[in-house]
Amino acid sequence: MDSINAQNCNLNIWYYLPEEVWNQVTTVYMSMPGWIGYKNGFPYWFGQEDDQVFITASLEPSGLSFYAQMSDDEWNSWIDTFKLEATKVLGFAVGEPEDGFR
C-alpha cells in the first residue's frame, strides 16, 4: 500500500487573470476526480483537512497553489490530469513556474 504524503504544487494560474478565466478554472475544478465542492471559499477534492486523503487549492501571489495529503502516485496522476484539462480549457500551457511555465 502506498503511504500518504504531503503534496504541494504551484501553477501559473495567476490572481490577476480576468474573471472569465477564473470561471473556467471553476469548470475544471468541478470536472476533476474527487470533487466535493467549496468550504469557506476553498475548493476540495476527496475530503477535507480532517480526512486522511484530500486536496485543496488557494490563490497565492505565486499562482494557484495546491496542497494535498495522498500517495505520490495518486497525486502525480491527479495533478497531471488537472494541468492537461486546465491547458485545454484555459487555452494556455498550464504548469509550474519553476519549470518555465509563465
Protein backbone atom coordinates (compact mmCIF):
# COMPACT_ATOMS: atom_id res chain seq x y z
CA MET A 1 0.00 0.00 0.00
CA ASP A 2 1.27 3.45 -0.88
CA SER A 3 1.94 5.77 2.02
CA ILE A 4 0.10 9.07 2.41
CA ASN A 5 2.38 12.08 1.99
CA ALA A 6 2.02 15.85 1.95
CA GLN A 7 1.96 17.18 -1.62
CA ASN A 8 2.36 20.75 -2.94
CA CYS A 9 2.19 22.38 -6.34
CA ASN A 10 2.02 25.96 -7.64
CA LEU A 11 0.67 26.56 -11.12
CA ASN A 12 0.90 29.52 -13.49
CA ILE A 13 -2.74 30.47 -12.99
CA TRP A 14 -2.31 33.96 -11.61
CA TYR A 15 -4.58 36.01 -9.33
CA TYR A 16 -4.76 38.90 -11.83
CA LEU A 17 -6.32 36.86 -14.64
CA PRO A 18 -9.78 38.09 -15.71
CA GLU A 19 -12.97 36.79 -14.14
CA GLU A 20 -13.80 34.84 -17.32
CA VAL A 21 -10.64 32.77 -16.82
CA TRP A 22 -11.49 32.12 -13.16
CA ASN A 23 -14.97 30.96 -14.19
CA GLN A 24 -13.27 28.44 -16.48
CA VAL A 25 -10.96 27.34 -13.65
CA THR A 26 -14.07 26.55 -11.61
CA THR A 27 -15.31 24.41 -14.50
CA VAL A 28 -12.02 22.48 -14.43
CA TYR A 29 -12.28 22.09 -10.64
CA MET A 30 -15.72 20.54 -10.93
CA SER A 31 -14.63 18.14 -13.70
CA MET A 32 -11.78 16.67 -11.67
CA PRO A 33 -12.00 13.28 -9.91
CA GLY A 34 -12.94 13.54 -6.24
CA TRP A 35 -14.63 16.97 -6.47
CA ILE A 36 -16.71 17.64 -3.35
CA GLY A 37 -17.20 21.40 -3.58
CA TYR A 38 -16.22 24.56 -1.72
CA LYS A 39 -15.87 25.04 2.02
CA ASN A 40 -15.21 28.56 3.31
CA GLY A 41 -14.35 29.61 -0.23
CA PHE A 42 -11.72 26.90 -0.82
CA PRO A 43 -12.20 24.03 -3.30
CA TYR A 44 -11.81 20.46 -2.04
CA TRP A 45 -11.45 17.05 -3.61
CA PHE A 46 -11.78 13.65 -1.88
CA GLY A 47 -12.09 15.12 1.63
CA GLN A 48 -11.05 17.98 3.89
CA GLU A 49 -8.16 18.59 6.29
CA ASP A 50 -9.60 16.29 8.95
CA ASP A 51 -9.69 13.38 6.46
CA GLN A 52 -6.76 11.13 5.64
CA VAL A 53 -6.86 11.95 1.91
CA PHE A 54 -7.74 15.35 0.48
CA ILE A 55 -6.74 18.04 -1.99
CA THR A 56 -7.38 21.76 -1.61
CA ALA A 57 -6.30 24.86 -3.51
CA SER A 58 -5.78 28.53 -2.76
CA LEU A 59 -4.81 31.55 -4.78
CA GLU A 60 -1.41 32.92 -3.78
CA PRO A 61 0.96 35.53 -5.24
CA SER A 62 2.98 32.56 -6.56
CA GLY A 63 -0.06 31.31 -8.54
CA LEU A 64 -2.74 28.73 -7.94
CA SER A 65 -1.41 26.63 -5.07
CA PHE A 66 -2.48 23.07 -4.33
CA TYR A 67 -1.94 21.20 -1.08
CA ALA A 68 -2.81 17.54 -0.70
CA GLN A 69 -2.46 14.54 1.56
CA MET A 70 -2.33 11.41 -0.61
CA SER A 71 0.03 8.84 -2.09
CA ASP A 72 2.66 10.05 -4.53
CA ASP A 73 1.25 8.00 -7.42
CA GLU A 74 -2.33 9.21 -6.88
CA TRP A 75 -1.16 12.81 -6.53
CA ASN A 76 1.01 12.73 -9.65
CA SER A 77 -1.83 11.28 -11.69
CA TRP A 78 -4.36 13.80 -10.36
CA ILE A 79 -2.21 16.93 -10.78
CA ASP A 80 -1.08 15.85 -14.26
CA THR A 81 -4.73 15.46 -15.23
CA PHE A 82 -5.51 18.90 -13.77
CA LYS A 83 -2.70 20.50 -15.81
CA LEU A 84 -3.90 18.81 -19.02
CA GLU A 85 -7.55 19.75 -18.50
CA ALA A 86 -6.71 23.32 -17.48
CA THR A 87 -4.47 23.70 -20.55
CA LYS A 88 -7.35 22.59 -22.81
CA VAL A 89 -9.98 24.78 -21.15
CA LEU A 90 -7.91 27.91 -20.50
CA GLY A 91 -6.11 27.97 -23.83
CA PHE A 92 -2.56 28.33 -22.48
CA ALA A 93 0.01 25.84 -21.23
CA VAL A 94 -0.59 25.28 -17.52
CA GLY A 95 2.35 24.15 -15.44
CA GLU A 96 4.70 25.03 -12.64
CA PRO A 97 6.52 28.39 -12.93
CA GLU A 98 9.74 26.78 -11.67
CA ASP A 99 9.55 24.50 -14.72
CA GLY A 100 9.42 27.55 -17.02
CA PHE A 101 5.65 27.98 -17.37
CA ARG A 102 4.70 31.67 -17.40
